[in-house]
Amino acid sequence: QVQLVESGGGLVQAGGSLRLSCAASGRTLNNYAMGWFRQAPGKEREFVAAISWRGGSTYNGDSVKGRFTISRDNAKNTVYLQMNRLEPEDTAVYYCATSVILFTTTRQVNTWGQGTQVTVSS
């Protein structure tokens, strides 16, 4: 059973940057895609970004294209989300996720992390 632990969340002013990390433990993530969703209060969980096992394919949600970049370090079993030009609308709990396929929906996810709060002040 894999465990996902997110870190790097916090409070930042609009226009600023944060980098989230998600470390996996319990088993290797060979051949598993990794990625991120987010959920704001009162809203559904929203796809943010995902990356294939070798990093050759990435998907990004429309609301973050051009601002957020996903990457991974397989030697460290870790996925990253670099978030630039943050906006108050990016405020949410960010969840790490993994799946045997490259995903864009919550139904495709096999394992979730506990989440990390990101708050962007205006």
N, C-alpha and C. Protein backbone atom coordinates (compact mmCIF):
# COMPACT_ATOMS: atom_id res chain seq x y z
N GLN A 1 0.84 -1.18 0.00
CA GLN A 1 0.00 0.00 0.00
C GLN A 1 0.89 1.25 0.00
N VAL A 2 0.63 2.15 -0.92
CA VAL A 2 1.43 3.36 -1.01
C VAL A 2 0.81 4.45 -0.16
N GLN A 3 1.66 5.25 0.45
CA GLN A 3 1.22 6.43 1.18
C GLN A 3 1.79 7.67 0.48
N LEU A 4 0.98 8.70 0.39
CA LEU A 4 1.39 9.96 -0.24
C LEU A 4 1.33 11.06 0.81
N VAL A 5 2.43 11.80 0.92
CA VAL A 5 2.50 12.87 1.92
C VAL A 5 2.87 14.17 1.21
N GLU A 6 1.96 15.14 1.28
CA GLU A 6 2.20 16.43 0.65
C GLU A 6 2.88 17.39 1.62
N SER A 7 3.62 18.34 1.06
CA SER A 7 4.23 19.40 1.84
C SER A 7 4.41 20.62 0.95
N GLY A 8 4.68 21.77 1.59
CA GLY A 8 4.97 22.98 0.84
C GLY A 8 3.84 23.98 0.77
N GLY A 9 2.68 23.62 1.29
CA GLY A 9 1.58 24.57 1.29
C GLY A 9 1.83 25.72 2.26
N GLY A 10 0.96 26.74 2.19
CA GLY A 10 1.10 27.87 3.08
C GLY A 10 0.34 29.07 2.58
N LEU A 11 0.67 30.21 3.15
CA LEU A 11 0.03 31.48 2.81
C LEU A 11 0.98 32.31 1.94
N VAL A 12 0.45 32.83 0.85
CA VAL A 12 1.27 33.62 -0.06
C VAL A 12 0.42 34.75 -0.63
N GLN A 13 1.03 35.84 -0.98
CA GLN A 13 0.31 36.95 -1.59
C GLN A 13 0.07 36.69 -3.07
N ALA A 14 -0.95 37.28 -3.58
CA ALA A 14 -1.24 37.16 -5.01
C ALA A 14 -0.04 37.60 -5.83
N GLY A 15 0.24 36.83 -6.87
CA GLY A 15 1.41 37.08 -7.70
C GLY A 15 2.64 36.31 -7.27
N GLY A 16 2.59 35.72 -6.09
CA GLY A 16 3.72 34.97 -5.58
C GLY A 16 3.77 33.54 -6.08
N SER A 17 4.71 32.77 -5.51
CA SER A 17 4.95 31.39 -5.94
C SER A 17 5.05 30.46 -4.74
N LEU A 18 4.72 29.22 -4.97
CA LEU A 18 4.91 28.14 -4.01
C LEU A 18 5.28 26.89 -4.79
N ARG A 19 6.00 25.99 -4.12
CA ARG A 19 6.26 24.68 -4.72
C ARG A 19 5.78 23.60 -3.75
N LEU A 20 4.86 22.80 -4.23
CA LEU A 20 4.36 21.68 -3.45
C LEU A 20 5.18 20.43 -3.79
N SER A 21 5.34 19.59 -2.78
CA SER A 21 6.00 18.30 -2.96
C SER A 21 5.07 17.19 -2.47
N CYS A 22 5.20 16.04 -3.08
CA CYS A 22 4.45 14.86 -2.64
C CYS A 22 5.40 13.67 -2.67
N ALA A 23 5.68 13.15 -1.50
CA ALA A 23 6.58 12.01 -1.38
C ALA A 23 5.77 10.73 -1.19
N ALA A 24 6.12 9.73 -1.95
CA ALA A 24 5.43 8.44 -1.86
C ALA A 24 6.29 7.46 -1.08
N SER A 25 5.63 6.65 -0.28
CA SER A 25 6.34 5.60 0.46
C SER A 25 5.48 4.35 0.48
N GLY A 26 6.09 3.25 0.83
CA GLY A 26 5.35 2.00 0.91
C GLY A 26 5.65 1.07 -0.24
N ARG A 27 5.80 1.62 -1.40
CA ARG A 27 6.23 0.87 -2.56
C ARG A 27 6.70 1.83 -3.63
N THR A 28 7.45 1.34 -4.58
CA THR A 28 7.89 2.18 -5.67
C THR A 28 6.72 2.55 -6.57
N LEU A 29 6.85 3.67 -7.21
CA LEU A 29 5.79 4.11 -8.11
C LEU A 29 6.18 3.88 -9.57
N ASN A 30 6.99 2.85 -9.80
CA ASN A 30 7.32 2.49 -11.18
C ASN A 30 6.04 2.24 -11.97
N ASN A 31 5.95 2.89 -13.10
CA ASN A 31 4.83 2.73 -14.02
C ASN A 31 3.53 3.39 -13.53
N TYR A 32 3.62 4.22 -12.51
CA TYR A 32 2.44 4.92 -12.02
C TYR A 32 2.52 6.40 -12.38
N ALA A 33 1.41 6.93 -12.84
CA ALA A 33 1.30 8.37 -13.03
C ALA A 33 1.06 9.04 -11.67
N MET A 34 1.47 10.29 -11.56
CA MET A 34 1.25 11.07 -10.34
C MET A 34 0.69 12.43 -10.72
N GLY A 35 0.04 13.05 -9.76
CA GLY A 35 -0.52 14.35 -10.08
C GLY A 35 -1.18 15.02 -8.91
N TRP A 36 -1.92 16.09 -9.24
CA TRP A 36 -2.52 16.94 -8.21
C TRP A 36 -3.97 17.31 -8.58
N PHE A 37 -4.78 17.37 -7.53
CA PHE A 37 -6.11 17.95 -7.59
C PHE A 37 -6.17 19.02 -6.51
N ARG A 38 -7.22 19.81 -6.56
CA ARG A 38 -7.45 20.77 -5.48
C ARG A 38 -8.94 20.89 -5.21
N GLN A 39 -9.24 21.32 -3.98
CA GLN A 39 -10.64 21.47 -3.60
C GLN A 39 -10.80 22.69 -2.73
N ALA A 40 -11.58 23.63 -3.21
CA ALA A 40 -11.90 24.83 -2.44
C ALA A 40 -13.18 24.59 -1.65
N PRO A 41 -13.41 25.33 -0.58
CA PRO A 41 -14.62 25.13 0.23
C PRO A 41 -15.89 25.25 -0.60
N GLY A 42 -16.75 24.26 -0.47
CA GLY A 42 -18.03 24.29 -1.18
C GLY A 42 -17.95 23.92 -2.64
N LYS A 43 -16.78 23.53 -3.12
CA LYS A 43 -16.62 23.19 -4.54
C LYS A 43 -16.17 21.74 -4.69
N GLU A 44 -16.34 21.21 -5.90
CA GLU A 44 -15.90 19.87 -6.18
C GLU A 44 -14.38 19.83 -6.34
N ARG A 45 -13.83 18.62 -6.16
CA ARG A 45 -12.40 18.45 -6.36
C ARG A 45 -12.08 18.65 -7.84
N GLU A 46 -11.07 19.47 -8.10
CA GLU A 46 -10.74 19.91 -9.45
C GLU A 46 -9.36 19.40 -9.87
N PHE A 47 -9.26 18.90 -11.08
CA PHE A 47 -7.98 18.43 -11.61
C PHE A 47 -7.04 19.63 -11.82
N VAL A 48 -5.77 19.44 -11.41
CA VAL A 48 -4.77 20.48 -11.58
C VAL A 48 -3.73 20.07 -12.61
N ALA A 49 -3.07 18.93 -12.37
CA ALA A 49 -2.01 18.50 -13.28
C ALA A 49 -1.67 17.05 -13.01
N ALA A 50 -1.13 16.37 -14.03
CA ALA A 50 -0.67 14.99 -13.87
C ALA A 50 0.51 14.77 -14.79
N ILE A 51 1.32 13.78 -14.43
CA ILE A 51 2.53 13.48 -15.18
C ILE A 51 2.70 11.97 -15.27
N SER A 52 3.13 11.50 -16.42
CA SER A 52 3.31 10.07 -16.64
C SER A 52 4.54 9.56 -15.90
N TRP A 53 4.68 8.25 -15.85
CA TRP A 53 5.77 7.61 -15.10
C TRP A 53 7.13 8.16 -15.50
N ARG A 54 7.40 8.26 -16.79
CA ARG A 54 8.72 8.72 -17.22
C ARG A 54 8.77 10.23 -17.42
N GLY A 55 7.65 10.88 -17.19
CA GLY A 55 7.63 12.34 -17.32
C GLY A 55 7.47 12.84 -18.72
N GLY A 56 7.25 11.94 -19.68
CA GLY A 56 7.15 12.37 -21.06
C GLY A 56 5.82 12.99 -21.42
N SER A 57 4.82 12.73 -20.63
CA SER A 57 3.49 13.30 -20.89
C SER A 57 2.99 14.01 -19.65
N THR A 58 2.43 15.17 -19.86
CA THR A 58 1.82 15.92 -18.75
C THR A 58 0.48 16.48 -19.20
N TYR A 59 -0.44 16.57 -18.27
CA TYR A 59 -1.73 17.22 -18.49
C TYR A 59 -1.85 18.35 -17.48
N ASN A 60 -2.47 19.43 -17.88
CA ASN A 60 -2.73 20.55 -16.97
C ASN A 60 -4.18 20.98 -17.09
N GLY A 61 -4.74 21.35 -15.96
CA GLY A 61 -6.08 21.88 -15.97
C GLY A 61 -6.10 23.25 -16.63
N ASP A 62 -7.22 23.61 -17.23
CA ASP A 62 -7.31 24.86 -17.97
C ASP A 62 -7.03 26.08 -17.10
N SER A 63 -7.43 26.01 -15.84
CA SER A 63 -7.30 27.19 -14.97
C SER A 63 -5.86 27.44 -14.53
N VAL A 64 -4.96 26.49 -14.75
CA VAL A 64 -3.58 26.66 -14.29
C VAL A 64 -2.56 26.65 -15.42
N LYS A 65 -3.02 26.44 -16.64
CA LYS A 65 -2.09 26.40 -17.77
C LYS A 65 -1.29 27.69 -17.87
N GLY A 66 0.02 27.52 -18.07
CA GLY A 66 0.89 28.67 -18.19
C GLY A 66 1.38 29.21 -16.86
N ARG A 67 0.82 28.71 -15.75
CA ARG A 67 1.24 29.20 -14.43
C ARG A 67 1.82 28.09 -13.56
N PHE A 68 1.28 26.89 -13.66
CA PHE A 68 1.72 25.77 -12.83
C PHE A 68 2.48 24.77 -13.70
N THR A 69 3.52 24.16 -13.10
CA THR A 69 4.31 23.15 -13.80
C THR A 69 4.49 21.94 -12.90
N ILE A 70 4.19 20.78 -13.44
CA ILE A 70 4.37 19.54 -12.69
C ILE A 70 5.65 18.86 -13.15
N SER A 71 6.33 18.23 -12.19
CA SER A 71 7.54 17.46 -12.50
C SER A 71 7.66 16.33 -11.49
N ARG A 72 8.56 15.41 -11.75
CA ARG A 72 8.75 14.31 -10.81
C ARG A 72 10.21 13.87 -10.79
N ASP A 73 10.62 13.31 -9.66
CA ASP A 73 11.94 12.73 -9.47
C ASP A 73 11.72 11.29 -9.03
N ASN A 74 11.85 10.37 -9.95
CA ASN A 74 11.55 8.96 -9.64
C ASN A 74 12.56 8.36 -8.67
N ALA A 75 13.76 8.86 -8.66
CA ALA A 75 14.76 8.37 -7.71
C ALA A 75 14.34 8.69 -6.27
N LYS A 76 13.56 9.76 -6.12
CA LYS A 76 13.09 10.17 -4.79
C LYS A 76 11.62 9.81 -4.57
N ASN A 77 11.00 9.20 -5.57
CA ASN A 77 9.57 8.85 -5.45
C ASN A 77 8.75 10.09 -5.10
N THR A 78 9.05 11.19 -5.74
CA THR A 78 8.44 12.47 -5.40
C THR A 78 7.95 13.19 -6.64
N VAL A 79 6.80 13.84 -6.50
CA VAL A 79 6.26 14.70 -7.55
C VAL A 79 6.16 16.12 -7.01
N TYR A 80 6.36 17.08 -7.89
CA TYR A 80 6.37 18.48 -7.49
C TYR A 80 5.32 19.26 -8.28
N LEU A 81 4.85 20.33 -7.70
CA LEU A 81 3.98 21.26 -8.42
C LEU A 81 4.51 22.67 -8.16
N GLN A 82 5.12 23.25 -9.18
CA GLN A 82 5.58 24.62 -9.09
C GLN A 82 4.43 25.53 -9.48
N MET A 83 4.05 26.42 -8.58
CA MET A 83 2.90 27.29 -8.80
C MET A 83 3.39 28.74 -8.83
N ASN A 84 3.24 29.37 -9.98
CA ASN A 84 3.66 30.76 -10.16
C ASN A 84 2.45 31.65 -10.43
N ARG A 85 2.64 32.93 -10.24
CA ARG A 85 1.58 33.93 -10.49
C ARG A 85 0.28 33.49 -9.81
N LEU A 86 0.38 33.16 -8.55
CA LEU A 86 -0.77 32.66 -7.81
C LEU A 86 -1.84 33.73 -7.68
N GLU A 87 -3.08 33.29 -7.70
CA GLU A 87 -4.25 34.16 -7.61
C GLU A 87 -5.10 33.72 -6.42
N PRO A 88 -5.90 34.62 -5.87
CA PRO A 88 -6.78 34.22 -4.76
C PRO A 88 -7.66 33.03 -5.11
N GLU A 89 -8.02 32.90 -6.38
CA GLU A 89 -8.85 31.78 -6.81
C GLU A 89 -8.13 30.43 -6.73
N ASP A 90 -6.82 30.45 -6.53
CA ASP A 90 -6.06 29.21 -6.37
C ASP A 90 -6.12 28.68 -4.94
N THR A 91 -6.72 29.43 -4.04
CA THR A 91 -6.86 29.00 -2.65
C THR A 91 -7.67 27.72 -2.56
N ALA A 92 -7.07 26.69 -1.96
CA ALA A 92 -7.72 25.38 -1.88
C ALA A 92 -6.82 24.43 -1.09
N VAL A 93 -7.37 23.28 -0.77
CA VAL A 93 -6.55 22.16 -0.30
C VAL A 93 -6.08 21.40 -1.54
N TYR A 94 -4.79 21.19 -1.62
CA TYR A 94 -4.19 20.51 -2.77
C TYR A 94 -3.87 19.07 -2.38
N TYR A 95 -4.36 18.14 -3.21
CA TYR A 95 -4.22 16.72 -2.95
C TYR A 95 -3.32 16.07 -3.99
N CYS A 96 -2.38 15.28 -3.51
CA CYS A 96 -1.56 14.46 -4.38
C CYS A 96 -2.32 13.19 -4.72
N ALA A 97 -2.07 12.65 -5.90
CA ALA A 97 -2.78 11.46 -6.34
C ALA A 97 -1.88 10.61 -7.22
N THR A 98 -2.20 9.32 -7.28
CA THR A 98 -1.47 8.44 -8.16
C THR A 98 -2.42 7.42 -8.77
N SER A 99 -2.04 6.92 -9.93
CA SER A 99 -2.88 5.97 -10.64
C SER A 99 -2.03 5.17 -11.60
N VAL A 100 -2.57 4.04 -12.02
CA VAL A 100 -1.87 3.21 -12.99
C VAL A 100 -1.97 3.80 -14.39
N ILE A 101 -2.86 4.77 -14.58
CA ILE A 101 -2.99 5.44 -15.86
C ILE A 101 -2.82 6.94 -15.67
N LEU A 102 -2.49 7.63 -16.73
CA LEU A 102 -2.41 9.09 -16.69
C LEU A 102 -3.82 9.63 -16.58
N PHE A 103 -4.09 10.43 -15.59
CA PHE A 103 -5.45 10.75 -15.21
C PHE A 103 -5.77 12.24 -15.31
N THR A 104 -7.07 12.50 -15.41
CA THR A 104 -7.58 13.86 -15.34
C THR A 104 -8.85 13.94 -14.50
N THR A 105 -9.36 12.81 -14.04
CA THR A 105 -10.59 12.80 -13.25
C THR A 105 -10.36 12.06 -11.94
N THR A 106 -11.19 12.37 -10.95
CA THR A 106 -11.05 11.72 -9.64
C THR A 106 -11.33 10.22 -9.72
N ARG A 107 -12.16 9.82 -10.66
CA ARG A 107 -12.50 8.40 -10.77
C ARG A 107 -11.31 7.56 -11.20
N GLN A 108 -10.34 8.17 -11.84
CA GLN A 108 -9.18 7.45 -12.34
C GLN A 108 -8.08 7.30 -11.30
N VAL A 109 -8.25 7.90 -10.15
CA VAL A 109 -7.21 7.92 -9.13
C VAL A 109 -7.31 6.68 -8.25
N ASN A 110 -6.15 6.07 -7.94
CA ASN A 110 -6.10 4.90 -7.08
C ASN A 110 -5.83 5.28 -5.62
N THR A 111 -4.97 6.27 -5.40
CA THR A 111 -4.54 6.61 -4.05
C THR A 111 -4.46 8.13 -3.91
N TRP A 112 -4.92 8.62 -2.75
CA TRP A 112 -4.90 10.05 -2.45
C TRP A 112 -4.00 10.34 -1.26
N GLY A 113 -3.41 11.53 -1.26
CA GLY A 113 -2.75 12.04 -0.08
C GLY A 113 -3.75 12.73 0.83
N GLN A 114 -3.25 13.24 1.96
CA GLN A 114 -4.13 13.88 2.93
C GLN A 114 -4.42 15.34 2.60
N GLY A 115 -3.61 15.94 1.76
CA GLY A 115 -3.84 17.31 1.34
C GLY A 115 -2.99 18.32 2.08
N THR A 116 -2.73 19.43 1.42
CA THR A 116 -2.00 20.54 2.02
C THR A 116 -2.71 21.84 1.62
N GLN A 117 -2.86 22.74 2.58
CA GLN A 117 -3.62 23.97 2.35
C GLN A 117 -2.74 25.01 1.66
N VAL A 118 -3.29 25.61 0.62
CA VAL A 118 -2.67 26.76 -0.04
C VAL A 118 -3.65 27.92 0.05
N THR A 119 -3.19 29.03 0.59
CA THR A 119 -4.02 30.22 0.72
C THR A 119 -3.33 31.38 0.05
N VAL A 120 -4.03 32.03 -0.88
CA VAL A 120 -3.48 33.16 -1.61
C VAL A 120 -4.27 34.40 -1.22
N SER A 121 -3.58 35.36 -0.65
CA SER A 121 -4.24 36.59 -0.21
C SER A 121 -4.18 37.65 -1.31
N SER A 122 -5.21 38.47 -1.34
CA SER A 122 -5.25 39.51 -2.38
C SER A 122 -4.59 40.80 -1.92
